[in-house]
PDB file of N, CA and C in Angstrom:
ATOM      1  N   MET A   1     -44.320  -8.823   8.126  1.00  0.00           N
ATOM      2  CA  MET A   1     -43.104  -9.177   8.832  1.00  0.00           C
ATOM      3  C   MET A   1     -43.478 -10.082  10.016  1.00  0.00           C
ATOM      4  N   SER A   2     -42.764 -11.181  10.158  1.00  0.00           N
ATOM      5  CA  SER A   2     -43.068 -12.132  11.226  1.00  0.00           C
ATOM      6  C   SER A   2     -42.484 -11.647  12.557  1.00  0.00           C
ATOM      7  N   ALA A   3     -42.888 -12.311  13.613  1.00  0.00           N
ATOM      8  CA  ALA A   3     -42.440 -11.925  14.949  1.00  0.00           C
ATOM      9  C   ALA A   3     -40.917 -12.056  15.110  1.00  0.00           C
ATOM     10  N   PRO A   4     -40.289 -13.154  14.651  1.00  0.00           N
ATOM     11  CA  PRO A   4     -38.823 -13.212  14.793  1.00  0.00           C
ATOM     12  C   PRO A   4     -38.094 -12.118  14.008  1.00  0.00           C
ATOM     13  N   GLU A   5     -38.612 -11.750  12.846  1.00  0.00           N
ATOM     14  CA  GLU A   5     -37.996 -10.668  12.074  1.00  0.00           C
ATOM     15  C   GLU A   5     -38.142  -9.335  12.792  1.00  0.00           C
ATOM     16  N   THR A   6     -39.287  -9.129  13.421  1.00  0.00           N
ATOM     17  CA  THR A   6     -39.503  -7.893  14.170  1.00  0.00           C
ATOM     18  C   THR A   6     -38.549  -7.810  15.358  1.00  0.00           C
ATOM     19  N   VAL A   7     -38.407  -8.908  16.076  1.00  0.00           N
ATOM     20  CA  VAL A   7     -37.491  -8.940  17.213  1.00  0.00           C
ATOM     21  C   VAL A   7     -36.061  -8.712  16.729  1.00  0.00           C
ATOM     22  N   ASP A   8     -35.716  -9.309  15.601  1.00  0.00           N
ATOM     23  CA  ASP A   8     -34.385  -9.136  15.029  1.00  0.00           C
ATOM     24  C   ASP A   8     -34.114  -7.668  14.707  1.00  0.00           C
ATOM     25  N   ARG A   9     -35.058  -7.005  14.077  1.00  0.00           N
ATOM     26  CA  ARG A   9     -34.891  -5.582  13.729  1.00  0.00           C
ATOM     27  C   ARG A   9     -34.799  -4.705  14.971  1.00  0.00           C
ATOM     28  N   VAL A  10     -35.635  -4.985  15.967  1.00  0.00           N
ATOM     29  CA  VAL A  10     -35.608  -4.186  17.199  1.00  0.00           C
ATOM     30  C   VAL A  10     -34.261  -4.341  17.903  1.00  0.00           C
ATOM     31  N   LEU A  11     -33.741  -5.561  17.970  1.00  0.00           N
ATOM     32  CA  LEU A  11     -32.449  -5.777  18.612  1.00  0.00           C
ATOM     33  C   LEU A  11     -31.315  -5.110  17.837  1.00  0.00           C
ATOM     34  N   LEU A  12     -31.382  -5.123  16.518  1.00  0.00           N
ATOM     35  CA  LEU A  12     -30.352  -4.454  15.722  1.00  0.00           C
ATOM     36  C   LEU A  12     -30.394  -2.948  15.903  1.00  0.00           C
ATOM     37  N   VAL A  13     -31.590  -2.386  15.940  1.00  0.00           N
ATOM     38  CA  VAL A  13     -31.716  -0.945  16.171  1.00  0.00           C
ATOM     39  C   VAL A  13     -31.195  -0.595  17.564  1.00  0.00           C
ATOM     40  N   ALA A  14     -31.501  -1.434  18.548  1.00  0.00           N
ATOM     41  CA  ALA A  14     -30.996  -1.190  19.902  1.00  0.00           C
ATOM     42  C   ALA A  14     -29.469  -1.271  19.933  1.00  0.00           C
ATOM     43  N   ALA A  15     -28.896  -2.211  19.193  1.00  0.00           N
ATOM     44  CA  ALA A  15     -27.440  -2.323  19.139  1.00  0.00           C
ATOM     45  C   ALA A  15     -26.819  -1.084  18.511  1.00  0.00           C
ATOM     46  N   VAL A  16     -27.430  -0.564  17.476  1.00  0.00           N
ATOM     47  CA  VAL A  16     -26.908   0.642  16.825  1.00  0.00           C
ATOM     48  C   VAL A  16     -27.023   1.844  17.767  1.00  0.00           C
ATOM     49  N   VAL A  17     -28.135   1.954  18.468  1.00  0.00           N
ATOM     50  CA  VAL A  17     -28.320   3.068  19.401  1.00  0.00           C
ATOM     51  C   VAL A  17     -27.280   3.001  20.522  1.00  0.00           C
ATOM     52  N   VAL A  18     -27.064   1.815  21.081  1.00  0.00           N
ATOM     53  CA  VAL A  18     -26.069   1.664  22.147  1.00  0.00           C
ATOM     54  C   VAL A  18     -24.672   1.998  21.622  1.00  0.00           C
ATOM     55  N   THR A  19     -24.364   1.584  20.397  1.00  0.00           N
ATOM     56  CA  THR A  19     -23.055   1.883  19.811  1.00  0.00           C
ATOM     57  C   THR A  19     -22.877   3.382  19.610  1.00  0.00           C
ATOM     58  N   VAL A  20     -23.908   4.069  19.166  1.00  0.00           N
ATOM     59  CA  VAL A  20     -23.819   5.520  18.961  1.00  0.00           C
ATOM     60  C   VAL A  20     -23.657   6.251  20.300  1.00  0.00           C
ATOM     61  N   VAL A  21     -24.398   5.836  21.315  1.00  0.00           N
ATOM     62  CA  VAL A  21     -24.277   6.462  22.630  1.00  0.00           C
ATOM     63  C   VAL A  21     -22.871   6.215  23.198  1.00  0.00           C
ATOM     64  N   ALA A  22     -22.377   4.992  23.043  1.00  0.00           N
ATOM     65  CA  ALA A  22     -21.019   4.690  23.511  1.00  0.00           C
ATOM     66  C   ALA A  22     -19.992   5.524  22.755  1.00  0.00           C
ATOM     67  N   GLY A  23     -20.215   5.770  21.475  1.00  0.00           N
ATOM     68  CA  GLY A  23     -19.313   6.622  20.700  1.00  0.00           C
ATOM     69  C   GLY A  23     -19.307   8.050  21.214  1.00  0.00           C
ATOM     70  N   ALA A  24     -20.471   8.563  21.604  1.00  0.00           N
ATOM     71  CA  ALA A  24     -20.537   9.919  22.150  1.00  0.00           C
ATOM     72  C   ALA A  24     -19.786  10.011  23.478  1.00  0.00           C
ATOM     73  N   VAL A  25     -19.961   9.025  24.340  1.00  0.00           N
ATOM     74  CA  VAL A  25     -19.240   9.004  25.620  1.00  0.00           C
ATOM     75  C   VAL A  25     -17.739   8.860  25.367  1.00  0.00           C
ATOM     76  N   LEU A  26     -17.401   8.074  24.372  1.00  0.00           N
ATOM     77  CA  LEU A  26     -15.998   7.869  24.015  1.00  0.00           C
ATOM     78  C   LEU A  26     -15.347   9.176  23.555  1.00  0.00           C
ATOM     79  N   LEU A  27     -16.046   9.942  22.741  1.00  0.00           N
ATOM     80  CA  LEU A  27     -15.505  11.228  22.295  1.00  0.00           C
ATOM     81  C   LEU A  27     -15.285  12.174  23.477  1.00  0.00           C
ATOM     82  N   ALA A  28     -16.198  12.118  24.448  1.00  0.00           N
ATOM     83  CA  ALA A  28     -16.019  12.946  25.642  1.00  0.00           C
ATOM     84  C   ALA A  28     -14.770  12.517  26.412  1.00  0.00           C
ATOM     85  N   ARG A  29     -14.516  11.211  26.490  1.00  0.00           N
ATOM     86  CA  ARG A  29     -13.324  10.728  27.199  1.00  0.00           C
ATOM     87  C   ARG A  29     -12.057  11.113  26.458  1.00  0.00           C
ATOM     88  N   ILE A  30     -12.091  11.057  25.132  1.00  0.00           N
ATOM     89  CA  ILE A  30     -10.918  11.467  24.363  1.00  0.00           C
ATOM     90  C   ILE A  30     -10.667  12.962  24.558  1.00  0.00           C
ATOM     91  N   TRP A  31     -11.719  13.742  24.564  1.00  0.00           N
ATOM     92  CA  TRP A  31     -11.584  15.186  24.681  1.00  0.00           C
ATOM     93  C   TRP A  31     -11.103  15.601  26.075  1.00  0.00           C
ATOM     94  N   ARG A  32     -11.715  15.026  27.134  1.00  0.00           N
ATOM     95  CA  ARG A  32     -11.406  15.456  28.502  1.00  0.00           C
ATOM     96  C   ARG A  32     -10.123  14.865  29.043  1.00  0.00           C
ATOM     97  N   GLY A  33      -9.887  13.638  28.692  1.00  0.00           N
ATOM     98  CA  GLY A  33      -8.586  13.086  29.017  1.00  0.00           C
ATOM     99  C   GLY A  33      -8.376  12.516  30.387  1.00  0.00           C
ATOM    100  N   PRO A  34      -8.001  12.811  31.431  1.00  0.00           N
ATOM    101  CA  PRO A  34      -6.973  13.725  31.911  1.00  0.00           C
ATOM    102  C   PRO A  34      -5.563  13.279  31.566  1.00  0.00           C
ATOM    103  N   SER A  35      -5.370  11.994  31.298  1.00  0.00           N
ATOM    104  CA  SER A  35      -4.007  11.560  31.004  1.00  0.00           C
ATOM    105  C   SER A  35      -3.925  10.984  29.589  1.00  0.00           C
ATOM    106  N   MET A  36      -2.709  10.779  29.156  1.00  0.00           N
ATOM    107  CA  MET A  36      -2.483  10.192  27.833  1.00  0.00           C
ATOM    108  C   MET A  36      -2.977   8.751  27.791  1.00  0.00           C
ATOM    109  N   LEU A  37      -2.865   8.047  28.908  1.00  0.00           N
ATOM    110  CA  LEU A  37      -3.326   6.662  28.956  1.00  0.00           C
ATOM    111  C   LEU A  37      -4.840   6.584  28.781  1.00  0.00           C
ATOM    112  N   ASP A  38      -5.586   7.523  29.365  1.00  0.00           N
ATOM    113  CA  ASP A  38      -7.038   7.557  29.171  1.00  0.00           C
ATOM    114  C   ASP A  38      -7.389   7.749  27.702  1.00  0.00           C
ATOM    115  N   ARG A  39      -6.678   8.628  27.050  1.00  0.00           N
ATOM    116  CA  ARG A  39      -6.936   8.864  25.628  1.00  0.00           C
ATOM    117  C   ARG A  39      -6.564   7.644  24.786  1.00  0.00           C
ATOM    118  N   ALA A  40      -5.487   6.970  25.147  1.00  0.00           N
ATOM    119  CA  ALA A  40      -5.067   5.774  24.407  1.00  0.00           C
ATOM    120  C   ALA A  40      -6.092   4.655  24.557  1.00  0.00           C
ATOM    121  N   ILE A  41      -6.596   4.472  25.760  1.00  0.00           N
ATOM    122  CA  ILE A  41      -7.625   3.452  25.981  1.00  0.00           C
ATOM    123  C   ILE A  41      -8.894   3.818  25.221  1.00  0.00           C
ATOM    124  N   ALA A  42      -9.244   5.093  25.194  1.00  0.00           N
ATOM    125  CA  ALA A  42     -10.427   5.527  24.457  1.00  0.00           C
ATOM    126  C   ALA A  42     -10.275   5.265  22.962  1.00  0.00           C
ATOM    127  N   LEU A  43      -9.083   5.449  22.427  1.00  0.00           N
ATOM    128  CA  LEU A  43      -8.879   5.154  21.011  1.00  0.00           C
ATOM    129  C   LEU A  43      -8.963   3.652  20.735  1.00  0.00           C
ATOM    130  N   ASP A  44      -8.548   2.832  21.693  1.00  0.00           N
ATOM    131  CA  ASP A  44      -8.696   1.390  21.544  1.00  0.00           C
ATOM    132  C   ASP A  44     -10.177   1.008  21.565  1.00  0.00           C
ATOM    133  N   VAL A  45     -10.928   1.628  22.440  1.00  0.00           N
ATOM    134  CA  VAL A  45     -12.370   1.376  22.486  1.00  0.00           C
ATOM    135  C   VAL A  45     -13.035   1.873  21.203  1.00  0.00           C
ATOM    136  N   CYS A  46     -12.498   2.933  20.613  1.00  0.00           N
ATOM    137  CA  CYS A  46     -13.012   3.430  19.338  1.00  0.00           C
ATOM    138  C   CYS A  46     -12.903   2.365  18.255  1.00  0.00           C
ATOM    139  N   ALA A  47     -11.792   1.646  18.223  1.00  0.00           N
ATOM    140  CA  ALA A  47     -11.639   0.552  17.256  1.00  0.00           C
ATOM    141  C   ALA A  47     -12.680  -0.529  17.520  1.00  0.00           C
ATOM    142  N   ALA A  48     -12.933  -0.824  18.791  1.00  0.00           N
ATOM    143  CA  ALA A  48     -13.952  -1.826  19.125  1.00  0.00           C
ATOM    144  C   ALA A  48     -15.348  -1.362  18.714  1.00  0.00           C
ATOM    145  N   LEU A  49     -15.623  -0.067  18.860  1.00  0.00           N
ATOM    146  CA  LEU A  49     -16.932   0.451  18.447  1.00  0.00           C
ATOM    147  C   LEU A  49     -17.099   0.412  16.934  1.00  0.00           C
ATOM    148  N   ILE A  50     -16.034   0.665  16.212  1.00  0.00           N
ATOM    149  CA  ILE A  50     -16.109   0.570  14.757  1.00  0.00           C
ATOM    150  C   ILE A  50     -16.396  -0.870  14.351  1.00  0.00           C
ATOM    151  N   ILE A  51     -15.751  -1.808  15.012  1.00  0.00           N
ATOM    152  CA  ILE A  51     -16.000  -3.221  14.728  1.00  0.00           C
ATOM    153  C   ILE A  51     -17.448  -3.579  15.068  1.00  0.00           C
ATOM    154  N   ALA A  52     -17.957  -3.072  16.186  1.00  0.00           N
ATOM    155  CA  ALA A  52     -19.345  -3.341  16.564  1.00  0.00           C
ATOM    156  C   ALA A  52     -20.320  -2.737  15.550  1.00  0.00           C
ATOM    157  N   GLY A  53     -20.014  -1.530  15.084  1.00  0.00           N
ATOM    158  CA  GLY A  53     -20.877  -0.917  14.068  1.00  0.00           C
ATOM    159  C   GLY A  53     -20.875  -1.693  12.766  1.00  0.00           C
ATOM    160  N   LEU A  54     -19.702  -2.156  12.351  1.00  0.00           N
ATOM    161  CA  LEU A  54     -19.643  -2.975  11.137  1.00  0.00           C
ATOM    162  C   LEU A  54     -20.376  -4.297  11.320  1.00  0.00           C
ATOM    163  N   GLY A  55     -20.297  -4.862  12.520  1.00  0.00           N
ATOM    164  CA  GLY A  55     -21.030  -6.097  12.797  1.00  0.00           C
ATOM    165  C   GLY A  55     -22.536  -5.877  12.747  1.00  0.00           C
ATOM    166  N   ALA A  56     -22.998  -4.749  13.291  1.00  0.00           N
ATOM    167  CA  ALA A  56     -24.427  -4.448  13.236  1.00  0.00           C
ATOM    168  C   ALA A  56     -24.884  -4.213  11.798  1.00  0.00           C
ATOM    169  N   LYS A  57     -24.066  -3.512  11.016  1.00  0.00           N
ATOM    170  CA  LYS A  57     -24.417  -3.291   9.615  1.00  0.00           C
ATOM    171  C   LYS A  57     -24.449  -4.601   8.848  1.00  0.00           C
ATOM    172  N   SER A  58     -23.486  -5.461   9.134  1.00  0.00           N
ATOM    173  CA  SER A  58     -23.431  -6.753   8.470  1.00  0.00           C
ATOM    174  C   SER A  58     -24.639  -7.613   8.842  1.00  0.00           C
ATOM    175  N   ALA A  59     -25.034  -7.570  10.112  1.00  0.00           N
ATOM    176  CA  ALA A  59     -26.206  -8.336  10.533  1.00  0.00           C
ATOM    177  C   ALA A  59     -27.479  -7.754   9.951  1.00  0.00           C
ATOM    178  N   PHE A  60     -27.568  -6.423   9.875  1.00  0.00           N
ATOM    179  CA  PHE A  60     -28.764  -5.778   9.337  1.00  0.00           C
ATOM    180  C   PHE A  60     -28.942  -6.109   7.855  1.00  0.00           C
ATOM    181  N   ALA A  61     -27.838  -6.106   7.112  1.00  0.00           N
ATOM    182  CA  ALA A  61     -27.907  -6.397   5.679  1.00  0.00           C
ATOM    183  C   ALA A  61     -27.811  -7.892   5.383  1.00  0.00           C
ATOM    184  N   ARG A  62     -27.534  -8.685   6.406  1.00  0.00           N
ATOM    185  CA  ARG A  62     -27.327 -10.132   6.240  1.00  0.00           C
ATOM    186  C   ARG A  62     -26.260 -10.405   5.179  1.00  0.00           C
ATOM    187  N   GLU A  63     -25.154  -9.667   5.316  1.00  0.00           N
ATOM    188  CA  GLU A  63     -24.058  -9.718   4.346  1.00  0.00           C
ATOM    189  C   GLU A  63     -22.750  -9.992   5.083  1.00  0.00           C
ATOM    190  N   PRO A  64     -22.021 -11.065   4.752  1.00  0.00           N
ATOM    191  CA  PRO A  64     -20.761 -11.368   5.453  1.00  0.00           C
ATOM    192  C   PRO A  64     -19.546 -10.626   4.896  1.00  0.00           C
ATOM    193  N   PHE A  65     -19.765  -9.638   4.052  1.00  0.00           N
ATOM    194  CA  PHE A  65     -18.671  -8.924   3.402  1.00  0.00           C
ATOM    195  C   PHE A  65     -17.719  -8.262   4.402  1.00  0.00           C
ATOM    196  N   TYR A  66     -18.243  -7.775   5.518  1.00  0.00           N
ATOM    197  CA  TYR A  66     -17.445  -6.993   6.459  1.00  0.00           C
ATOM    198  C   TYR A  66     -16.663  -7.830   7.471  1.00  0.00           C
ATOM    199  N   PHE A  67     -16.845  -9.137   7.491  1.00  0.00           N
ATOM    200  CA  PHE A  67     -16.154  -9.966   8.479  1.00  0.00           C
ATOM    201  C   PHE A  67     -14.631  -9.894   8.364  1.00  0.00           C
ATOM    202  N   PRO A  68     -14.033 -10.006   7.169  1.00  0.00           N
ATOM    203  CA  PRO A  68     -12.569  -9.868   7.105  1.00  0.00           C
ATOM    204  C   PRO A  68     -12.084  -8.471   7.515  1.00  0.00           C
ATOM    205  N   ILE A  69     -12.866  -7.459   7.196  1.00  0.00           N
ATOM    206  CA  ILE A  69     -12.508  -6.091   7.589  1.00  0.00           C
ATOM    207  C   ILE A  69     -12.528  -5.964   9.111  1.00  0.00           C
ATOM    208  N   MET A  70     -13.530  -6.582   9.730  1.00  0.00           N
ATOM    209  CA  MET A  70     -13.614  -6.561  11.188  1.00  0.00           C
ATOM    210  C   MET A  70     -12.417  -7.284  11.814  1.00  0.00           C
ATOM    211  N   LEU A  71     -12.000  -8.374  11.210  1.00  0.00           N
ATOM    212  CA  LEU A  71     -10.850  -9.116  11.715  1.00  0.00           C
ATOM    213  C   LEU A  71      -9.567  -8.293  11.631  1.00  0.00           C
ATOM    214  N   VAL A  72      -9.366  -7.609  10.511  1.00  0.00           N
ATOM    215  CA  VAL A  72      -8.179  -6.769  10.347  1.00  0.00           C
ATOM    216  C   VAL A  72      -8.210  -5.602  11.338  1.00  0.00           C
ATOM    217  N   LEU A  73      -9.373  -4.990  11.528  1.00  0.00           N
ATOM    218  CA  LEU A  73      -9.477  -3.897  12.501  1.00  0.00           C
ATOM    219  C   LEU A  73      -9.200  -4.378  13.919  1.00  0.00           C
ATOM    220  N   ALA A  74      -9.651  -5.576  14.252  1.00  0.00           N
ATOM    221  CA  ALA A  74      -9.373  -6.128  15.580  1.00  0.00           C
ATOM    222  C   ALA A  74      -7.875  -6.338  15.762  1.00  0.00           C
ATOM    223  N   PHE A  75      -7.209  -6.839  14.735  1.00  0.00           N
ATOM    224  CA  PHE A  75      -5.762  -7.037  14.810  1.00  0.00           C
ATOM    225  C   PHE A  75      -5.037  -5.704  14.958  1.00  0.00           C
ATOM    226  N   LEU A  76      -5.435  -4.712  14.188  1.00  0.00           N
ATOM    227  CA  LEU A  76      -4.797  -3.400  14.281  1.00  0.00           C
ATOM    228  C   LEU A  76      -5.044  -2.749  15.642  1.00  0.00           C
ATOM    229  N   GLY A  77      -6.248  -2.909  16.167  1.00  0.00           N
ATOM    230  CA  GLY A  77      -6.540  -2.370  17.494  1.00  0.00           C
ATOM    231  C   GLY A  77      -5.703  -3.025  18.575  1.00  0.00           C
ATOM    232  N   PHE A  78      -5.533  -4.342  18.470  1.00  0.00           N
ATOM    233  CA  PHE A  78      -4.719  -5.053  19.457  1.00  0.00           C
ATOM    234  C   PHE A  78      -3.263  -4.622  19.379  1.00  0.00           C
ATOM    235  N   THR A  79      -2.704  -4.589  18.190  1.00  0.00           N
ATOM    236  CA  THR A  79      -1.297  -4.207  18.064  1.00  0.00           C
ATOM    237  C   THR A  79      -1.082  -2.750  18.465  1.00  0.00           C
ATOM    238  N   GLY A  80      -2.034  -1.898  18.166  1.00  0.00           N
ATOM    239  CA  GLY A  80      -1.925  -0.506  18.605  1.00  0.00           C
ATOM    240  C   GLY A  80      -1.949  -0.378  20.116  1.00  0.00           C
ATOM    241  N   SER A  81      -2.797  -1.156  20.767  1.00  0.00           N
ATOM    242  CA  SER A  81      -2.862  -1.122  22.233  1.00  0.00           C
ATOM    243  C   SER A  81      -1.569  -1.618  22.857  1.00  0.00           C
ATOM    244  N   VAL A  82      -1.025  -2.681  22.307  1.00  0.00           N
ATOM    245  CA  VAL A  82       0.239  -3.205  22.833  1.00  0.00           C
ATOM    246  C   VAL A  82       1.359  -2.187  22.633  1.00  0.00           C
ATOM    247  N   GLY A  83       1.394  -1.559  21.473  1.00  0.00           N
ATOM    248  CA  GLY A  83       2.422  -0.549  21.218  1.00  0.00           C
ATOM    249  C   GLY A  83       2.317   0.636  22.155  1.00  0.00           C
ATOM    250  N   ILE A  84       1.116   1.107  22.391  1.00  0.00           N
ATOM    251  CA  ILE A  84       0.925   2.236  23.311  1.00  0.00           C
ATOM    252  C   ILE A  84       1.300   1.838  24.729  1.00  0.00           C
ATOM    253  N   ALA A  85       0.916   0.625  25.127  1.00  0.00           N
ATOM    254  CA  ALA A  85       1.251   0.169  26.480  1.00  0.00           C
ATOM    255  C   ALA A  85       2.760   0.061  26.662  1.00  0.00           C
ATOM    256  N   ARG A  86       3.471  -0.422  25.653  1.00  0.00           N
ATOM    257  CA  ARG A  86       4.929  -0.522  25.751  1.00  0.00           C
ATOM    258  C   ARG A  86       5.562   0.872  25.803  1.00  0.00           C
ATOM    259  N   PHE A  87       5.038   1.799  25.018  1.00  0.00           N
ATOM    260  CA  PHE A  87       5.556   3.163  25.026  1.00  0.00           C
ATOM    261  C   PHE A  87       5.363   3.807  26.393  1.00  0.00           C
ATOM    262  N   ILE A  88       4.184   3.644  26.967  1.00  0.00           N
ATOM    263  CA  ILE A  88       3.899   4.243  28.267  1.00  0.00           C
ATOM    264  C   ILE A  88       4.723   3.557  29.349  1.00  0.00           C
ATOM    265  N   ALA A  89       4.924   2.239  29.239  1.00  0.00           N
ATOM    266  CA  ALA A  89       5.724   1.524  30.238  1.00  0.00           C
ATOM    267  C   ALA A  89       7.171   2.004  30.221  1.00  0.00           C
ATOM    268  N   VAL A  90       7.722   2.242  29.036  1.00  0.00           N
ATOM    269  CA  VAL A  90       9.099   2.728  28.938  1.00  0.00           C
ATOM    270  C   VAL A  90       9.185   4.173  29.412  1.00  0.00           C
ATOM    271  N   ARG A  91       8.202   4.969  29.064  1.00  0.00           N
ATOM    272  CA  ARG A  91       8.222   6.381  29.434  1.00  0.00           C
ATOM    273  C   ARG A  91       8.078   6.572  30.941  1.00  0.00           C
ATOM    274  N   ASP A  92       7.280   5.719  31.587  1.00  0.00           N
ATOM    275  CA  ASP A  92       7.003   5.884  33.013  1.00  0.00           C
ATOM    276  C   ASP A  92       7.933   5.066  33.905  1.00  0.00           C
ATOM    277  N   ARG A  93       8.972   4.462  33.344  1.00  0.00           N
ATOM    278  CA  ARG A  93       9.908   3.663  34.143  1.00  0.00           C
ATOM    279  C   ARG A  93      10.711   4.604  35.034  1.00  0.00           C
ATOM    280  N   PRO A  94      10.813   4.274  36.332  1.00  0.00           N
ATOM    281  CA  PRO A  94      11.588   5.151  37.229  1.00  0.00           C
ATOM    282  C   PRO A  94      13.075   5.103  36.892  1.00  0.00           C
ATOM    283  N   PRO A  95      13.790   6.206  37.114  1.00  0.00           N
ATOM    284  CA  PRO A  95      15.238   6.210  36.829  1.00  0.00           C
ATOM    285  C   PRO A  95      15.957   5.234  37.751  1.00  0.00           C
ATOM    286  N   GLY A  96      16.992   4.600  37.213  1.00  0.00           N
ATOM    287  CA  GLY A  96      17.756   3.637  37.983  1.00  0.00           C
ATOM    288  C   GLY A  96      17.113   2.265  38.041  1.00  0.00           C
ATOM    289  N   HIS A  97      16.046   2.073  37.294  1.00  0.00           N
ATOM    290  CA  HIS A  97      15.346   0.786  37.277  1.00  0.00           C
ATOM    291  C   HIS A  97      16.178  -0.231  36.503  1.00  0.00           C
ATOM    292  N   LEU A  98      16.525  -1.338  37.155  1.00  0.00           N
ATOM    293  CA  LEU A  98      17.277  -2.395  36.490  1.00  0.00           C
ATOM    294  C   LEU A  98      16.319  -3.358  35.817  1.00  0.00           C
ATOM    295  N   HIS A  99      16.640  -3.754  34.618  1.00  0.00           N
ATOM    296  CA  HIS A  99      15.801  -4.714  33.915  1.00  0.00           C
ATOM    297  C   HIS A  99      16.668  -5.583  33.023  1.00  0.00           C
ATOM    298  N   GLY A 100      16.096  -6.648  32.574  1.00  0.00           N
ATOM    299  CA  GLY A 100      16.779  -7.499  31.615  1.00  0.00           C
ATOM    300  C   GLY A 100      17.814  -8.405  32.253  1.00  0.00           C
ATOM    301  N   GLU A 101      18.755  -8.853  31.470  1.00  0.00           N
ATOM    302  CA  GLU A 101      19.778  -9.808  31.884  1.00  0.00           C
ATOM    303  C   GLU A 101      20.733  -9.212  32.910  1.00  0.00           C
ATOM    304  N   ARG A 102      21.051  -7.956  32.788  1.00  0.00           N
ATOM    305  CA  ARG A 102      21.994  -7.325  33.723  1.00  0.00           C
ATOM    306  C   ARG A 102      21.429  -7.294  35.136  1.00  0.00           C
ATOM    307  N   ALA A 103      20.143  -7.129  35.259  1.00  0.00           N
ATOM    308  CA  ALA A 103      19.526  -7.068  36.577  1.00  0.00           C
ATOM    309  C   ALA A 103      19.611  -8.424  37.274  1.00  0.00           C
ATOM    310  N   ARG A 104      19.532  -9.501  36.527  1.00  0.00           N
ATOM    311  CA  ARG A 104      19.598 -10.829  37.122  1.00  0.00           C
ATOM    312  C   ARG A 104      20.999 -11.150  37.638  1.00  0.00           C
ATOM    313  N   HIS A 105      22.014 -10.601  37.013  1.00  0.00           N
ATOM    314  CA  HIS A 105      23.387 -10.875  37.413  1.00  0.00           C
ATOM    315  C   HIS A 105      23.938  -9.822  38.369  1.00  0.00           C
ATOM    316  N   GLY A 106      23.122  -8.850  38.718  1.00  0.00           N
ATOM    317  CA  GLY A 106      23.547  -7.845  39.671  1.00  0.00           C
ATOM    318  C   GLY A 106      24.411  -6.740  39.084  1.00  0.00           C
ATOM    319  N   GLU A 107      24.454  -6.626  37.775  1.00  0.00           N
ATOM    320  CA  GLU A 107      25.246  -5.578  37.138  1.00  0.00           C
ATOM    321  C   GLU A 107      24.383  -4.341  36.986  1.00  0.00           C
ATOM    322  N   GLU A 108      25.022  -3.187  37.016  1.00  0.00           N
ATOM    323  CA  GLU A 108      24.298  -1.953  36.787  1.00  0.00           C
ATOM    324  C   GLU A 108      24.305  -1.631  35.303  1.00  0.00           C
ATOM    325  N   GLU A 109      23.288  -0.863  34.917  1.00  0.00           N
ATOM    326  CA  GLU A 109      23.186  -0.463  33.510  1.00  0.00           C
ATOM    327  C   GLU A 109      24.190   0.621  33.199  1.00  0.00           C
ATOM    328  N   GLY A 110      24.681   0.583  31.981  1.00  0.00           N
ATOM    329  CA  GLY A 110      25.581   1.639  31.518  1.00  0.00           C
ATOM    330  C   GLY A 110      24.794   2.770  30.912  1.00  0.00           C
ATOM    331  N   PRO A 111      25.474   3.800  30.449  1.00  0.00           N
ATOM    332  CA  PRO A 111      24.785   4.953  29.875  1.00  0.00           C
ATOM    333  C   PRO A 111      24.105   4.661  28.588  1.00  0.00           C
TER     334      PRO A 111
END
């Protein structure tokens, strides 16, 4: 094995080790919580770790098969994060908060 191949393998093993350690810390954050937003962010990071693991596997095998899967997972992670953020924003809105077109015209919201 040549020197560049050895360096390549060492870096890939280091990437896998870092991904596994980050996954363990991530599970602790999901478990401990303290809020729903912390758990939601941890699940978003979980999608990123899965993508990183697939990227490391793809680089280790020198196989581009997983690239479309990684792209779809990135899209799903993004849309999931946006959905959770919108849900939390609506849930945490203070009562009597004016928004939208009615707020610009000075009208109050109806029931």
